[in-house]
Amino acid sequence: MNSKIFIQGAIPGEFIATSIAKHQRKTTIGAHNIFLGQVRADQIEGREVIGIDYETYQDMAERIIQEIREYAIQKYQLTCLHIFHSIGKVRTGEICFFVMASSKSRAQVYAATEDVVDKVKEGVPIFGKEWVGEEDYYWKQNI
């Protein structure tokens, strides 16, 4: 099981760049598709969101993500599929969700990425508190 699905805090750009660069050696891949989820500065009751603090039931979430990963690799004939999500506090403008699908052709990676993102958002126990001040927060609604 992939034990490095969850990253404390924001997902750094360097981590994303390194993940992409590592695939240059895999010459059977013809296409990659990347999804990056970023924390928005939404308005809640007239106050601007300054960040989200993510929590999860890590063992359960990792098991479900591994099942999603295995399903997508088989269904879409992927060469690689990487799924990472933040836990802890992530400020607005920072990356909190990173999915990278790789395959021989683009059709599979487009469909796989959308399916994987939807399945993670709908079925993985990841919860977020949207912070509107240092002490004030609202439990996030997934939309």
Protein backbone atom coordinates (compact mmCIF):
# COMPACT_ATOMS: atom_id res chain seq x y z
CA MET A 1 0.00 0.00 0.00
CA ASN A 2 1.23 3.50 -0.82
CA SER A 3 2.01 5.04 2.57
CA LYS A 4 2.86 8.46 1.11
CA ILE A 5 -0.56 9.62 -0.09
CA PHE A 6 -0.97 12.33 2.52
CA ILE A 7 1.37 15.31 2.72
CA GLN A 8 1.46 17.59 5.75
CA GLY A 9 0.46 21.11 4.68
CA ALA A 10 0.46 22.42 1.13
CA ILE A 11 1.85 20.30 -1.70
CA PRO A 12 5.01 22.15 -2.80
CA GLY A 13 5.57 23.04 -6.45
CA GLU A 14 8.97 21.36 -6.24
CA PHE A 15 7.28 18.07 -5.27
CA ILE A 16 4.97 18.32 -8.30
CA ALA A 17 7.85 19.22 -10.63
CA THR A 18 9.97 16.33 -9.36
CA SER A 19 7.06 13.91 -9.81
CA ILE A 20 6.70 15.02 -13.43
CA ALA A 21 10.45 14.91 -14.12
CA LYS A 22 10.77 11.33 -12.84
CA HIS A 23 8.52 10.16 -15.67
CA GLN A 24 10.92 11.26 -18.43
CA ARG A 25 12.71 7.92 -18.05
CA LYS A 26 9.49 5.98 -18.70
CA THR A 27 9.56 5.98 -22.49
CA THR A 28 6.43 3.84 -23.02
CA ILE A 29 4.30 6.74 -21.79
CA GLY A 30 2.80 8.99 -24.44
CA ALA A 31 0.56 11.20 -22.33
CA HIS A 32 0.19 12.62 -18.83
CA ASN A 33 -2.72 14.49 -17.35
CA ILE A 34 -2.45 16.44 -14.12
CA PHE A 35 -5.12 17.77 -11.79
CA LEU A 36 -4.16 20.31 -9.14
CA GLY A 37 -6.69 21.29 -6.49
CA GLN A 38 -6.06 24.72 -4.98
CA VAL A 39 -7.66 26.32 -1.91
CA ARG A 40 -10.00 29.14 -2.95
CA ALA A 41 -10.66 32.37 -1.08
CA ASP A 42 -14.41 31.74 -0.92
CA GLN A 43 -16.77 33.98 1.04
CA ILE A 44 -18.67 32.51 4.01
CA GLU A 45 -21.21 34.79 5.64
CA GLY A 46 -19.35 37.82 4.30
CA ARG A 47 -15.92 36.65 5.51
CA GLU A 48 -13.08 35.47 3.29
CA VAL A 49 -11.65 31.97 3.68
CA ILE A 50 -7.92 32.18 4.54
CA GLY A 51 -7.24 28.44 4.47
CA ILE A 52 -8.51 24.92 5.03
CA ASP A 53 -7.40 22.55 7.76
CA TYR A 54 -7.76 18.99 6.40
CA GLU A 55 -8.34 15.94 8.59
CA THR A 56 -8.80 12.28 7.66
CA TYR A 57 -9.11 8.77 8.98
CA GLN A 58 -5.72 8.01 7.44
CA ASP A 59 -5.72 4.19 7.40
CA MET A 60 -9.24 4.05 5.96
CA ALA A 61 -8.55 6.84 3.47
CA GLU A 62 -5.32 5.24 2.25
CA ARG A 63 -7.10 1.91 1.73
CA ILE A 64 -9.91 3.57 -0.26
CA ILE A 65 -7.46 5.60 -2.36
CA GLN A 66 -5.47 2.45 -3.11
CA GLU A 67 -8.70 0.76 -4.28
CA ILE A 68 -9.50 3.77 -6.50
CA ARG A 69 -5.95 3.67 -7.86
CA GLU A 70 -6.11 -0.06 -8.72
CA TYR A 71 -9.56 0.35 -10.30
CA ALA A 72 -8.42 3.28 -12.49
CA ILE A 73 -5.16 1.65 -13.59
CA GLN A 74 -7.07 -1.40 -14.79
CA LYS A 75 -10.07 0.40 -16.31
CA TYR A 76 -8.06 3.04 -18.19
CA GLN A 77 -4.93 0.95 -18.91
CA LEU A 78 -2.71 3.44 -17.13
CA THR A 79 1.05 3.11 -16.86
CA CYS A 80 1.17 5.21 -13.68
CA LEU A 81 -1.28 6.92 -11.37
CA HIS A 82 -0.25 9.13 -8.47
CA ILE A 83 -2.68 10.58 -5.94
CA PHE A 84 -1.63 12.99 -3.16
CA HIS A 85 -3.71 15.06 -0.75
CA SER A 86 -2.82 17.52 1.98
CA ILE A 87 -3.58 17.07 5.64
CA GLY A 88 -3.26 19.90 8.11
CA LYS A 89 -3.54 23.59 7.30
CA VAL A 90 -3.30 24.82 3.70
CA ARG A 91 -3.64 28.54 2.97
CA THR A 92 -5.63 30.02 0.09
CA GLY A 93 -3.76 29.86 -3.19
CA GLU A 94 -1.81 26.75 -2.15
CA ILE A 95 -2.15 23.29 -3.71
CA CYS A 96 -3.96 20.65 -1.63
CA PHE A 97 -4.73 17.85 -4.14
CA PHE A 98 -2.48 16.42 -6.88
CA VAL A 99 -3.42 13.66 -9.31
CA MET A 100 -1.19 12.56 -12.19
CA ALA A 101 -2.31 9.89 -14.66
CA SER A 102 0.02 8.48 -17.31
CA SER A 103 -0.67 6.16 -20.24
CA LYS A 104 0.23 5.40 -23.85
CA SER A 105 -2.37 7.86 -25.16
CA ARG A 106 -4.25 10.96 -24.09
CA ALA A 107 -7.81 9.62 -24.18
CA GLN A 108 -7.19 7.31 -21.21
CA VAL A 109 -5.50 9.94 -19.05
CA TYR A 110 -8.24 12.54 -19.57
CA ALA A 111 -11.01 10.13 -18.60
CA ALA A 112 -9.02 8.59 -15.74
CA THR A 113 -8.13 11.91 -14.13
CA GLU A 114 -11.72 13.12 -14.03
CA ASP A 115 -12.97 9.77 -12.70
CA VAL A 116 -10.27 9.56 -10.01
CA VAL A 117 -10.82 13.14 -8.79
CA ASP A 118 -14.58 12.52 -8.57
CA LYS A 119 -14.14 9.22 -6.70
CA VAL A 120 -11.70 10.74 -4.19
CA LYS A 121 -13.98 13.74 -3.55
CA GLU A 122 -17.07 11.53 -3.18
CA GLY A 123 -15.74 8.50 -1.33
CA VAL A 124 -12.63 9.25 0.72
CA PRO A 125 -13.06 10.41 4.33
CA ILE A 126 -11.19 13.72 4.05
CA PHE A 127 -12.75 16.60 5.96
CA GLY A 128 -11.88 20.27 5.84
CA LYS A 129 -12.44 23.17 8.18
CA GLU A 130 -12.49 26.44 6.27
CA TRP A 131 -10.76 29.10 8.34
CA VAL A 132 -12.09 32.65 8.18
CA GLY A 133 -9.98 33.87 11.09
CA GLU A 134 -7.52 32.39 13.53
CA GLU A 135 -10.33 31.07 15.73
CA ASP A 136 -13.34 30.93 13.40
CA TYR A 137 -14.01 28.08 11.01
CA TYR A 138 -16.79 26.29 9.11
CA TRP A 139 -16.82 22.63 8.10
CA LYS A 140 -16.30 22.57 4.33
CA GLN A 141 -18.95 21.38 1.92
CA ASN A 142 -17.49 19.43 -1.04
CA ILE A 143 -18.52 21.08 -4.30
